[in-house]
Amino acid sequence: MMAPTEIALLQRAGRGMVVNISYIVESATFFGIFLALALTSIFTYIHHRTQQPRGFKLLSRASIRDLSWRLAVFALMTTLYASTIVSNVGIVKDRYINNAELELPDRFAIASYNAMKASLLSNWIAGQGGLIFLVGDGVVVWRAWVICRTPVVHPRARMFIFIPLFLLFATLAFSVASSAILTQLVGGTLVISNDSILGILTITAGACSLATNVSATAIIGFIAYHHFKEVLPGVSRPKYYSSRVLLYLLETGVIYCLLQAVYLTLVLLVQIPGSPLDMGAKFMQNMFIWASASYPFFILIIQTHQRTLADDVDLSLCGPNGTKLEVGTHISFSRGVPGNGRGRVGASGISSTASFEVTTYAGTPGAGVRGSMVQSHGALGELVPVQICETGKKGEEKA
């Protein structure tokens, strides 16, 4: 007959196995969604660029850089999924197959130690404030930073951009500290709770990450409010590409912050390991990891197709008085008078990804366009004006 300690050990192992199996199934589902989203966004991006006019560079330095870091995110998440499978298979082998000559408690101790070593890579990639979260936070801050660099943005918003920048570096510092401590603790007695130093550092990193996203999204919301109220007064604002860009940045930012807030709340409320609340927190953690990794690819698809949630309300790209707003695929908007077909349209623009070379211009179709276009040539926020001369029907670019 088995000893009571062995019975309790097997019961705990059984509960852990149920959690691990559900985690693997959940990870497989999210990885499938992530894989489809990543491949769709990359192929859509390449296809869209091949449809550009003659002379458009498909493999410019900006496009190569843009695709490279997305491929890096894809490689990180593939590595994370593979390490998850390998570590869980290793736990089962160490507990029930290997070391058969040892007592049950010894086998479980060896399995736990090996699992902790195998999880170090996953912790650096997708731990609280890991590389994936830092990439997602960096994307949000970067977009707010690029928008704030344009002349049309309110001066106060440019001052506030240093808040999310500071919080981003604070998140990086706390994340590196917590991951380094966890790495050093492997092999010793490891007790992780919200009251321990490691737990405090981990929660602080998560709180700084949430504050980074909230502050950057708030700045984008402030810019959108200023743009709607002062730049486009009295106009059907969502019909303009600038408004649509700000809308989808604001929408995705708010959704991202809500997911992160729910996850952090569940982590703080968990008291008993293996409880339904603990399993809910683990589910939200896994979902938020894959949401953070999918965020750049999701943004790329929305940006390529120029879609926002506001499109549900009969949204078109035609302005008043028959003015048609021709749009490219990078974040660019100009302050001008739409619909008159004459005069300067404006030369200030916003480039978020610094990888698209087509821009936005406005004018009356068939009446000729005289104005300026803003074109990005790879450097972050580097905007080069290209003059458009007046012709009988279409604008032609000067040599």
Foldseek 3Di string as FASTA:
>chain_A
DDDPVVVVVVVVVVLVLVLLVVVLVLLVVLLVVLVVLLVVLVVLLLVQQVPDDPPRDSDAVLNVVLVVVLVVLVVLSVVLSVLSVVLSVQLCCQQPPPPPVDDNVVSNVVNVLSSLVSCLSVCQCQNQLHPLLLVLLVLLLLLLQLVLVWPVFDVVLNVLSVVLVVLSVVLVVLSVVLSVVSVVCRPHDDDDDCPDPSNVSSLSSLVSSLVSLVSSLVSLVVRLVCCDPPLDPPWPPVLALLNLVSQASNVLSVVLSVLSVVLSVLRVPDDDPSDPSNSVSVSSSSVNSSCSSSVVSVVSVCLSVSDHPVVVPVHHNATPQQKGKDADRFFWDARADANPQDDARGQIIGGRSLRDFDGIDIGHAQCWHWYWTWGRNNDRSDTDIWGWDGDRGYTDTDD
